[in-house]
Amino acid sequence: MKTVLYTPDMEPITVLDVTPQIQAYLETNERVALAVMEPINWLALADDPVEVATPRYVHIWRERFVRYGKSMFFLFTNNDENALLLQTTFLPGQTSAVRAKEQSAFARGFLTAWARLGE
């Protein structure tokens, strides 16, 4: 299920693809904490000491509402900076436009590489 994650002020943060397991958990529980991945610093030198990052979490709560007799919920978090590190998805109306841009970029890159190969 794709859903928008909001701040308590109803500002949209990101779109999440909530797995059936998390959705089922939220049906019976009001809160869930999701771990987020720290961005990897690929520029660090091999001789540098390895820094162990403190785990970061996004604490999410749901608020249920009923519309047309069907129970739904909104998802909220106070951890908006950490929420931006969650894996996001696109809404159904955005998917085809994003796919078209990706295909166009791939085609341009492929044709440029092909042209350089012949030089």
Protein backbone atom coordinates (compact mmCIF):
# COMPACT_ATOMS: atom_id res chain seq x y z
CA MET A 1 0.00 0.00 0.00
CA LYS A 2 1.44 3.35 -0.98
CA THR A 3 0.88 6.09 1.55
CA VAL A 4 2.17 9.56 2.28
CA LEU A 5 4.13 10.12 5.49
CA TYR A 6 3.25 13.46 7.12
CA THR A 7 4.61 15.75 9.81
CA PRO A 8 2.18 16.47 12.67
CA ASP A 9 1.34 19.73 10.82
CA MET A 10 0.11 17.69 7.81
CA GLU A 11 3.14 18.62 5.70
CA PRO A 12 3.90 15.70 3.35
CA ILE A 13 7.41 14.31 3.80
CA THR A 14 7.65 11.34 1.45
CA VAL A 15 5.69 8.50 -0.13
CA LEU A 16 6.21 5.04 1.35
CA ASP A 17 5.29 1.63 0.05
CA VAL A 18 4.03 0.08 3.29
CA THR A 19 4.53 -3.68 3.30
CA PRO A 20 1.60 -5.94 4.23
CA GLN A 21 3.47 -6.89 7.42
CA ILE A 22 3.76 -3.27 8.59
CA GLN A 23 0.20 -2.57 7.50
CA ALA A 24 -1.06 -5.54 9.56
CA TYR A 25 1.04 -4.41 12.52
CA LEU A 26 -0.42 -0.90 12.32
CA GLU A 27 -3.94 -2.33 12.29
CA THR A 28 -3.47 -3.52 15.88
CA ASN A 29 -0.72 -1.15 17.10
CA GLU A 30 -0.62 2.59 16.93
CA ARG A 31 3.15 3.06 16.57
CA VAL A 32 6.09 1.51 14.72
CA ALA A 33 9.79 2.37 14.55
CA LEU A 34 11.65 1.83 11.27
CA ALA A 35 15.44 1.76 11.07
CA VAL A 36 17.06 3.94 8.42
CA MET A 37 20.33 3.47 6.60
CA GLU A 38 23.08 6.01 7.02
CA PRO A 39 24.44 7.29 3.71
CA ILE A 40 27.77 5.61 3.00
CA ASN A 41 30.77 7.88 2.59
CA TRP A 42 32.53 6.30 -0.39
CA LEU A 43 35.19 9.00 -0.38
CA ALA A 44 36.69 7.88 2.93
CA LEU A 45 40.24 6.68 2.59
CA ALA A 46 41.19 3.09 3.41
CA ASP A 47 43.55 4.27 6.16
CA ASP A 48 40.83 6.23 7.97
CA PRO A 49 39.31 4.63 11.04
CA VAL A 50 35.86 3.17 10.52
CA GLU A 51 33.17 5.22 12.19
CA VAL A 52 30.31 3.24 13.64
CA ALA A 53 27.16 5.26 13.30
CA THR A 54 24.51 5.30 15.97
CA PRO A 55 21.38 3.58 14.65
CA ARG A 56 18.73 6.03 13.47
CA TYR A 57 15.02 5.36 13.54
CA VAL A 58 11.85 6.92 12.26
CA HIS A 59 9.08 6.66 14.83
CA ILE A 60 5.77 6.54 12.97
CA TRP A 61 2.28 6.62 14.37
CA ARG A 62 -1.03 6.16 12.66
CA GLU A 63 -4.30 7.99 13.03
CA ARG A 64 -7.33 6.09 11.86
CA PHE A 65 -10.28 7.61 10.04
CA VAL A 66 -13.36 6.16 8.40
CA ARG A 67 -14.53 7.23 4.97
CA TYR A 68 -17.50 5.71 3.18
CA GLY A 69 -17.56 2.99 5.82
CA LYS A 70 -13.97 1.93 5.09
CA SER A 71 -11.29 2.25 7.77
CA MET A 72 -8.05 3.94 6.62
CA PHE A 73 -5.18 5.66 8.34
CA PHE A 74 -2.73 8.53 8.00
CA LEU A 75 0.92 8.05 8.98
CA PHE A 76 2.80 10.74 10.92
CA THR A 77 6.31 11.27 12.28
CA ASN A 78 8.28 13.90 14.16
CA ASN A 79 11.52 12.53 12.67
CA ASP A 80 11.24 14.28 9.31
CA GLU A 81 14.99 14.40 8.65
CA ASN A 82 15.40 10.67 9.27
CA ALA A 83 12.23 9.97 7.29
CA LEU A 84 13.92 11.36 4.19
CA LEU A 85 16.40 8.46 4.44
CA LEU A 86 13.63 5.84 4.12
CA GLN A 87 13.22 4.07 0.80
CA THR A 88 10.61 6.04 -1.08
CA THR A 89 8.33 5.25 -3.96
CA PHE A 90 6.26 7.16 -6.48
CA LEU A 91 2.52 7.55 -6.56
CA PRO A 92 0.74 5.59 -9.32
CA GLY A 93 0.20 8.73 -11.42
CA GLN A 94 3.93 9.52 -11.32
CA THR A 95 5.28 6.09 -12.25
CA SER A 96 4.89 6.26 -16.04
CA ALA A 97 6.52 9.71 -16.28
CA VAL A 98 9.46 8.61 -14.13
CA ARG A 99 9.88 5.41 -16.17
CA ALA A 100 9.84 7.40 -19.42
CA LYS A 101 12.57 9.74 -18.10
CA GLU A 102 14.70 6.78 -17.00
CA GLN A 103 14.34 5.09 -20.38
CA SER A 104 15.19 8.30 -22.21
CA ALA A 105 18.28 8.90 -20.06
CA PHE A 106 19.42 5.30 -20.59
CA ALA A 107 18.93 5.59 -24.36
CA ARG A 108 20.90 8.87 -24.53
CA GLY A 109 23.74 7.40 -22.47
CA PHE A 110 23.81 4.20 -24.50
CA LEU A 111 23.87 6.04 -27.83
CA THR A 112 26.62 8.40 -26.60
CA ALA A 113 28.74 5.44 -25.46
CA TRP A 114 28.08 3.64 -28.76
CA ALA A 115 29.19 6.72 -30.72
CA ARG A 116 32.37 7.04 -28.68
CA LEU A 117 33.13 3.37 -29.23
CA GLY A 118 33.30 4.00 -32.97
CA GLU A 119 35.80 6.86 -32.63
